[in-house]
């Protein structure tokens, strides 16, 4: 099942990239998610929050769209961790208002149940995410 989870996450990452500019892509992402999906971005430095359900996913993506131009996630690795999949990435974007360019390492842990995404955790420190999945 874990390789199947990796494939779901890879599809999710591709759709997520599209969703920053395409409303229809958000629905494709939600098709991969459990109805009670949660995005835990409480570890973020700016605007830490937790987003619940489809409305929460839509709100999280809209907040990224509102704050950033040219938002890009460069996924360096996707690591199978059983029912969880770790994604180590570099995020880059330009502030919509400030015009400041930002580039930062980070990570996501996607937790799946029965082939559907139930939780996406956002980490600003990839080492913390590696530790969380026992891969430090």
N, C-alpha and C. Protein backbone atom coordinates (compact mmCIF):
# COMPACT_ATOMS: atom_id res chain seq x y z
N UNK A 1 0.82 -1.20 0.00
CA UNK A 1 0.00 0.00 0.00
C UNK A 1 0.85 1.25 0.00
N UNK A 2 2.04 1.22 0.59
CA UNK A 2 2.83 2.45 0.72
C UNK A 2 3.28 3.00 -0.63
N UNK A 3 3.61 2.12 -1.59
CA UNK A 3 3.99 2.62 -2.92
C UNK A 3 2.78 3.29 -3.58
N UNK A 4 1.60 2.74 -3.34
CA UNK A 4 0.38 3.37 -3.84
C UNK A 4 0.21 4.75 -3.21
N UNK A 5 0.53 4.86 -1.93
CA UNK A 5 0.45 6.16 -1.26
C UNK A 5 1.39 7.17 -1.89
N UNK A 6 2.59 6.72 -2.22
CA UNK A 6 3.56 7.61 -2.87
C UNK A 6 2.99 8.11 -4.20
N UNK A 7 2.35 7.24 -4.95
CA UNK A 7 1.78 7.65 -6.23
C UNK A 7 0.64 8.64 -6.04
N UNK A 8 -0.19 8.43 -5.01
CA UNK A 8 -1.26 9.39 -4.72
C UNK A 8 -0.66 10.75 -4.40
N UNK A 9 0.39 10.76 -3.59
CA UNK A 9 1.03 12.02 -3.21
C UNK A 9 1.66 12.69 -4.43
N UNK A 10 2.32 11.93 -5.28
CA UNK A 10 2.90 12.52 -6.50
C UNK A 10 1.82 13.17 -7.37
N UNK A 11 0.67 12.49 -7.50
CA UNK A 11 -0.44 13.09 -8.25
C UNK A 11 -0.93 14.35 -7.54
N UNK A 12 -1.04 14.25 -6.21
CA UNK A 12 -1.48 15.40 -5.42
C UNK A 12 -0.55 16.59 -5.56
N UNK A 13 0.75 16.35 -5.56
CA UNK A 13 1.72 17.44 -5.70
C UNK A 13 1.59 18.12 -7.06
N UNK A 14 1.40 17.31 -8.11
CA UNK A 14 1.24 17.88 -9.45
C UNK A 14 -0.03 18.72 -9.53
N UNK A 15 -1.11 18.21 -8.96
CA UNK A 15 -2.37 18.96 -8.98
C UNK A 15 -2.26 20.20 -8.12
N UNK A 16 -1.61 20.08 -6.96
CA UNK A 16 -1.43 21.23 -6.07
C UNK A 16 -0.70 22.35 -6.79
N UNK A 17 0.33 22.01 -7.54
CA UNK A 17 1.08 23.02 -8.30
C UNK A 17 0.15 23.77 -9.26
N UNK A 18 -0.74 23.03 -9.91
CA UNK A 18 -1.69 23.65 -10.84
C UNK A 18 -2.71 24.51 -10.10
N UNK A 19 -3.07 24.10 -8.89
CA UNK A 19 -4.15 24.78 -8.16
C UNK A 19 -3.81 26.21 -7.77
N UNK A 20 -2.53 26.56 -7.78
CA UNK A 20 -2.15 27.92 -7.43
C UNK A 20 -2.59 28.93 -8.49
N UNK A 21 -2.91 28.42 -9.68
CA UNK A 21 -3.37 29.31 -10.76
C UNK A 21 -4.66 28.85 -11.42
N UNK A 22 -5.16 27.66 -11.07
CA UNK A 22 -6.31 27.08 -11.77
C UNK A 22 -7.33 26.57 -10.76
N UNK A 23 -8.50 27.21 -10.73
CA UNK A 23 -9.55 26.82 -9.78
C UNK A 23 -9.99 25.37 -9.98
N UNK A 24 -10.06 24.90 -11.20
CA UNK A 24 -10.52 23.54 -11.47
C UNK A 24 -9.58 22.51 -10.85
N UNK A 25 -8.31 22.82 -10.75
CA UNK A 25 -7.35 21.88 -10.19
C UNK A 25 -7.63 21.60 -8.72
N UNK A 26 -8.18 22.57 -8.02
CA UNK A 26 -8.48 22.37 -6.59
C UNK A 26 -9.45 21.20 -6.44
N UNK A 27 -10.43 21.11 -7.31
CA UNK A 27 -11.39 20.00 -7.23
C UNK A 27 -10.69 18.67 -7.47
N UNK A 28 -9.72 18.64 -8.37
CA UNK A 28 -8.94 17.43 -8.60
C UNK A 28 -8.17 17.02 -7.37
N UNK A 29 -7.62 18.00 -6.66
CA UNK A 29 -6.91 17.71 -5.42
C UNK A 29 -7.87 17.15 -4.38
N UNK A 30 -9.03 17.76 -4.26
CA UNK A 30 -10.02 17.30 -3.28
C UNK A 30 -10.50 15.89 -3.58
N UNK A 31 -10.48 15.48 -4.85
CA UNK A 31 -10.86 14.11 -5.21
C UNK A 31 -9.92 13.08 -4.59
N UNK A 32 -8.69 13.50 -4.27
CA UNK A 32 -7.71 12.60 -3.65
C UNK A 32 -7.82 12.57 -2.13
N UNK A 33 -8.66 13.44 -1.59
CA UNK A 33 -8.71 13.64 -0.14
C UNK A 33 -9.93 13.00 0.50
N UNK A 34 -9.76 12.61 1.76
CA UNK A 34 -10.89 12.18 2.57
C UNK A 34 -11.77 13.40 2.85
N UNK A 35 -13.06 13.21 3.08
CA UNK A 35 -13.94 14.35 3.36
C UNK A 35 -13.49 15.19 4.55
N UNK A 36 -12.88 14.55 5.53
CA UNK A 36 -12.43 15.26 6.73
C UNK A 36 -10.95 15.64 6.67
N UNK A 37 -10.43 15.84 5.47
CA UNK A 37 -9.02 16.19 5.30
C UNK A 37 -8.67 17.41 6.17
N UNK A 38 -7.44 17.41 6.63
CA UNK A 38 -6.94 18.54 7.43
C UNK A 38 -5.57 18.93 6.90
N UNK A 39 -5.35 20.23 6.79
CA UNK A 39 -4.02 20.77 6.48
C UNK A 39 -3.55 21.48 7.74
N UNK A 40 -2.47 20.95 8.32
CA UNK A 40 -1.92 21.52 9.55
C UNK A 40 -0.71 22.37 9.18
N UNK A 41 -0.93 23.66 9.10
CA UNK A 41 0.14 24.62 8.81
C UNK A 41 0.47 25.43 10.06
N UNK A 42 0.25 24.83 11.22
CA UNK A 42 0.46 25.54 12.48
C UNK A 42 1.93 25.78 12.80
N UNK A 43 2.83 25.13 12.09
CA UNK A 43 4.26 25.32 12.32
C UNK A 43 4.84 26.47 11.51
N UNK A 44 4.05 27.01 10.58
CA UNK A 44 4.53 28.12 9.76
C UNK A 44 4.84 29.33 10.63
N UNK A 45 5.79 30.13 10.19
CA UNK A 45 6.14 31.36 10.89
C UNK A 45 5.09 32.43 10.61
N UNK A 46 4.70 32.57 9.36
CA UNK A 46 3.69 33.55 8.99
C UNK A 46 2.34 32.85 8.84
N UNK A 47 1.33 33.42 9.44
CA UNK A 47 -0.04 32.92 9.33
C UNK A 47 -0.19 31.44 9.67
N UNK A 48 0.31 31.01 10.82
CA UNK A 48 0.11 29.60 11.19
C UNK A 48 -1.39 29.34 11.35
N UNK A 49 -1.83 28.20 10.83
CA UNK A 49 -3.26 27.90 10.89
C UNK A 49 -3.48 26.42 10.63
N UNK A 50 -4.69 25.97 10.92
CA UNK A 50 -5.14 24.62 10.60
C UNK A 50 -6.38 24.77 9.74
N UNK A 51 -6.43 24.01 8.65
CA UNK A 51 -7.50 24.10 7.68
C UNK A 51 -8.23 22.76 7.62
N UNK A 52 -9.54 22.78 7.84
CA UNK A 52 -10.31 21.54 7.89
C UNK A 52 -11.26 21.41 6.71
N UNK A 53 -11.33 20.19 6.17
CA UNK A 53 -12.27 19.85 5.12
C UNK A 53 -11.98 20.54 3.80
N UNK A 54 -12.88 20.33 2.86
CA UNK A 54 -12.72 20.91 1.52
C UNK A 54 -12.65 22.43 1.58
N UNK A 55 -13.49 23.02 2.42
CA UNK A 55 -13.48 24.49 2.54
C UNK A 55 -12.13 24.96 3.07
N UNK A 56 -11.55 24.22 3.98
CA UNK A 56 -10.24 24.59 4.52
C UNK A 56 -9.14 24.49 3.47
N UNK A 57 -9.17 23.44 2.65
CA UNK A 57 -8.18 23.31 1.57
C UNK A 57 -8.31 24.47 0.60
N UNK A 58 -9.55 24.79 0.23
CA UNK A 58 -9.76 25.92 -0.68
C UNK A 58 -9.23 27.22 -0.07
N UNK A 59 -9.50 27.42 1.23
CA UNK A 59 -9.05 28.64 1.90
C UNK A 59 -7.53 28.70 1.96
N UNK A 60 -6.88 27.57 2.25
CA UNK A 60 -5.41 27.54 2.31
C UNK A 60 -4.80 27.93 0.97
N UNK A 61 -5.35 27.37 -0.10
CA UNK A 61 -4.83 27.69 -1.43
C UNK A 61 -5.10 29.15 -1.78
N UNK A 62 -6.27 29.65 -1.45
CA UNK A 62 -6.58 31.04 -1.73
C UNK A 62 -5.66 31.98 -0.97
N UNK A 63 -5.32 31.64 0.26
CA UNK A 63 -4.41 32.48 1.03
C UNK A 63 -3.02 32.53 0.38
N UNK A 64 -2.58 31.42 -0.18
CA UNK A 64 -1.30 31.41 -0.90
C UNK A 64 -1.41 32.30 -2.14
N UNK A 65 -2.50 32.15 -2.88
CA UNK A 65 -2.71 32.98 -4.07
C UNK A 65 -2.73 34.47 -3.72
N UNK A 66 -3.39 34.81 -2.61
CA UNK A 66 -3.52 36.22 -2.22
C UNK A 66 -2.18 36.81 -1.79
N UNK A 67 -1.33 36.02 -1.15
CA UNK A 67 -0.09 36.54 -0.58
C UNK A 67 1.10 36.51 -1.54
N UNK A 68 1.09 35.55 -2.49
CA UNK A 68 2.29 35.30 -3.28
C UNK A 68 2.04 35.32 -4.77
N UNK A 69 3.04 35.79 -5.51
CA UNK A 69 3.10 35.65 -6.96
C UNK A 69 4.15 34.61 -7.28
N UNK A 70 3.97 33.91 -8.36
CA UNK A 70 4.97 32.93 -8.82
C UNK A 70 5.32 31.93 -7.72
N UNK A 71 4.34 31.47 -6.96
CA UNK A 71 4.56 30.50 -5.90
C UNK A 71 4.96 29.17 -6.52
N UNK A 72 6.07 28.62 -6.07
CA UNK A 72 6.60 27.38 -6.67
C UNK A 72 7.13 26.46 -5.58
N UNK A 73 6.76 25.20 -5.68
CA UNK A 73 7.30 24.17 -4.80
C UNK A 73 8.18 23.25 -5.64
N UNK A 74 9.47 23.21 -5.33
CA UNK A 74 10.40 22.32 -6.01
C UNK A 74 10.61 21.13 -5.07
N UNK A 75 10.03 20.00 -5.42
CA UNK A 75 10.07 18.82 -4.56
C UNK A 75 11.33 18.01 -4.84
N UNK A 76 12.27 18.05 -3.88
CA UNK A 76 13.53 17.35 -4.05
C UNK A 76 13.42 15.85 -3.81
N UNK A 77 12.57 15.45 -2.86
CA UNK A 77 12.45 14.02 -2.60
C UNK A 77 11.06 13.69 -2.07
N UNK A 78 10.62 12.50 -2.41
CA UNK A 78 9.37 11.95 -1.92
C UNK A 78 9.73 10.62 -1.27
N UNK A 79 9.50 10.51 0.04
CA UNK A 79 9.97 9.37 0.82
C UNK A 79 8.79 8.58 1.36
N UNK A 80 8.76 7.30 1.05
CA UNK A 80 7.74 6.38 1.54
C UNK A 80 7.97 6.14 3.03
N UNK A 81 6.95 6.41 3.83
CA UNK A 81 7.04 6.15 5.27
C UNK A 81 5.78 5.42 5.73
N UNK A 82 5.37 4.40 4.97
CA UNK A 82 4.20 3.61 5.32
C UNK A 82 2.92 4.34 4.98
N UNK A 83 2.11 4.64 6.01
CA UNK A 83 0.87 5.38 5.76
C UNK A 83 1.11 6.87 5.63
N UNK A 84 2.37 7.26 5.74
CA UNK A 84 2.75 8.67 5.56
C UNK A 84 3.78 8.77 4.45
N UNK A 85 3.78 9.91 3.78
CA UNK A 85 4.74 10.18 2.71
C UNK A 85 5.36 11.54 3.00
N UNK A 86 6.68 11.56 3.07
CA UNK A 86 7.43 12.79 3.35
C UNK A 86 7.89 13.41 2.03
N UNK A 87 7.65 14.70 1.91
CA UNK A 87 8.09 15.45 0.73
C UNK A 87 9.02 16.56 1.22
N UNK A 88 10.28 16.52 0.81
CA UNK A 88 11.24 17.58 1.13
C UNK A 88 11.27 18.51 -0.07
N UNK A 89 11.16 19.81 0.19
CA UNK A 89 11.00 20.74 -0.91
C UNK A 89 11.66 22.08 -0.62
N UNK A 90 11.81 22.84 -1.68
CA UNK A 90 12.18 24.24 -1.58
C UNK A 90 11.03 25.04 -2.15
N UNK A 91 10.58 26.01 -1.37
CA UNK A 91 9.49 26.88 -1.80
C UNK A 91 10.09 28.22 -2.19
N UNK A 92 9.63 28.76 -3.31
CA UNK A 92 10.05 30.09 -3.71
C UNK A 92 8.83 30.86 -4.19
N UNK A 93 8.86 32.16 -3.94
CA UNK A 93 7.74 33.01 -4.35
C UNK A 93 8.14 34.47 -4.19
N UNK A 94 7.32 35.33 -4.76
CA UNK A 94 7.50 36.77 -4.62
C UNK A 94 6.24 37.31 -3.93
N UNK A 95 6.45 38.10 -2.89
CA UNK A 95 5.32 38.68 -2.16
C UNK A 95 4.48 39.55 -3.08
N UNK A 96 3.19 39.32 -3.06
CA UNK A 96 2.29 40.07 -3.95
C UNK A 96 2.33 41.56 -3.66
N UNK A 97 2.40 41.93 -2.38
CA UNK A 97 2.42 43.35 -2.01
C UNK A 97 3.84 43.88 -1.88
N UNK A 98 4.68 43.14 -1.17
CA UNK A 98 6.03 43.62 -0.87
C UNK A 98 6.98 43.49 -2.06
N UNK A 99 6.67 42.54 -2.96
CA UNK A 99 7.53 42.21 -4.11
C UNK A 99 8.83 41.54 -3.67
N UNK A 100 8.98 41.23 -2.38
CA UNK A 100 10.18 40.56 -1.87
C UNK A 100 10.19 39.11 -2.33
N UNK A 101 11.36 38.66 -2.75
CA UNK A 101 11.54 37.27 -3.18
C UNK A 101 11.94 36.44 -1.96
N UNK A 102 11.30 35.28 -1.82
CA UNK A 102 11.56 34.39 -0.69
C UNK A 102 11.86 33.00 -1.24
N UNK A 103 12.87 32.37 -0.65
CA UNK A 103 13.17 30.98 -0.96
C UNK A 103 13.47 30.29 0.35
N UNK A 104 12.82 29.13 0.58
CA UNK A 104 12.95 28.46 1.87
C UNK A 104 12.81 26.96 1.70
N UNK A 105 13.65 26.22 2.42
CA UNK A 105 13.50 24.77 2.50
C UNK A 105 12.32 24.47 3.39
N UNK A 106 11.67 23.37 3.15
CA UNK A 106 10.56 22.95 3.98
C UNK A 106 10.23 21.49 3.69
N UNK A 107 9.14 21.03 4.27
CA UNK A 107 8.71 19.65 4.05
C UNK A 107 7.22 19.54 4.31
N UNK A 108 6.65 18.52 3.71
CA UNK A 108 5.26 18.16 3.95
C UNK A 108 5.22 16.70 4.34
N UNK A 109 4.35 16.36 5.26
CA UNK A 109 4.05 14.96 5.52
C UNK A 109 2.59 14.76 5.17
N UNK A 110 2.35 13.87 4.22
CA UNK A 110 1.00 13.53 3.80
C UNK A 110 0.65 12.20 4.47
N UNK A 111 -0.45 12.16 5.21
CA UNK A 111 -0.92 10.93 5.84
C UNK A 111 -2.13 10.45 5.06
N UNK A 112 -2.11 9.17 4.70
CA UNK A 112 -3.19 8.60 3.90
C UNK A 112 -3.88 7.47 4.66
N UNK A 113 -5.18 7.32 4.40
CA UNK A 113 -5.98 6.24 4.95
C UNK A 113 -6.83 5.72 3.79
N UNK A 114 -6.72 4.43 3.56
CA UNK A 114 -7.49 3.79 2.48
C UNK A 114 -7.28 4.50 1.14
N UNK A 115 -6.04 4.93 0.88
CA UNK A 115 -5.69 5.54 -0.39
C UNK A 115 -6.12 6.99 -0.55
N UNK A 116 -6.64 7.60 0.51
CA UNK A 116 -7.08 9.00 0.44
C UNK A 116 -6.30 9.84 1.44
N UNK A 117 -6.03 11.07 1.08
CA UNK A 117 -5.27 11.98 1.92
C UNK A 117 -6.16 12.43 3.07
N UNK A 118 -5.68 12.21 4.30
CA UNK A 118 -6.46 12.67 5.46
C UNK A 118 -5.78 13.81 6.20
N UNK A 119 -4.46 13.95 6.02
CA UNK A 119 -3.73 15.01 6.71
C UNK A 119 -2.51 15.41 5.89
N UNK A 120 -2.30 16.72 5.77
CA UNK A 120 -1.07 17.26 5.21
C UNK A 120 -0.49 18.18 6.26
N UNK A 121 0.72 17.86 6.72
CA UNK A 121 1.40 18.67 7.72
C UNK A 121 2.50 19.47 7.05
N UNK A 122 2.57 20.75 7.36
CA UNK A 122 3.55 21.65 6.78
C UNK A 122 4.66 21.87 7.81
N UNK A 123 5.90 21.63 7.39
CA UNK A 123 7.07 21.82 8.26
C UNK A 123 7.99 22.85 7.63
N UNK A 124 8.49 23.79 8.43
CA UNK A 124 9.47 24.75 7.92
C UNK A 124 10.88 24.20 8.01
N UNK A 125 11.08 23.17 8.80
CA UNK A 125 12.39 22.54 8.96
C UNK A 125 12.30 21.08 8.51
N UNK A 126 12.92 20.74 7.38
CA UNK A 126 12.86 19.36 6.90
C UNK A 126 13.38 18.35 7.92
N UNK A 127 14.32 18.75 8.76
CA UNK A 127 14.85 17.81 9.77
C UNK A 127 13.77 17.41 10.77
N UNK A 128 12.90 18.35 11.11
CA UNK A 128 11.79 18.07 12.02
C UNK A 128 10.83 17.06 11.37
N UNK A 129 10.59 17.22 10.10
CA UNK A 129 9.71 16.30 9.38
C UNK A 129 10.36 14.92 9.28
N UNK A 130 11.64 14.87 8.97
CA UNK A 130 12.35 13.59 8.93
C UNK A 130 12.25 12.87 10.27
N UNK A 131 12.43 13.61 11.34
CA UNK A 131 12.33 13.04 12.68
C UNK A 131 10.91 12.52 12.94
N UNK A 132 9.92 13.25 12.49
CA UNK A 132 8.52 12.87 12.71
C UNK A 132 8.17 11.54 12.05
N UNK A 133 8.83 11.20 10.95
CA UNK A 133 8.57 9.93 10.29
C UNK A 133 9.65 8.89 10.58
N UNK A 134 10.54 9.20 11.54
CA UNK A 134 11.56 8.24 11.94
C UNK A 134 12.66 8.05 10.93
N UNK A 135 12.96 9.08 10.15
CA UNK A 135 13.99 8.97 9.10
C UNK A 135 15.13 9.96 9.30
N UNK A 136 15.35 10.42 10.50
CA UNK A 136 16.39 11.43 10.73
C UNK A 136 17.77 10.88 10.56
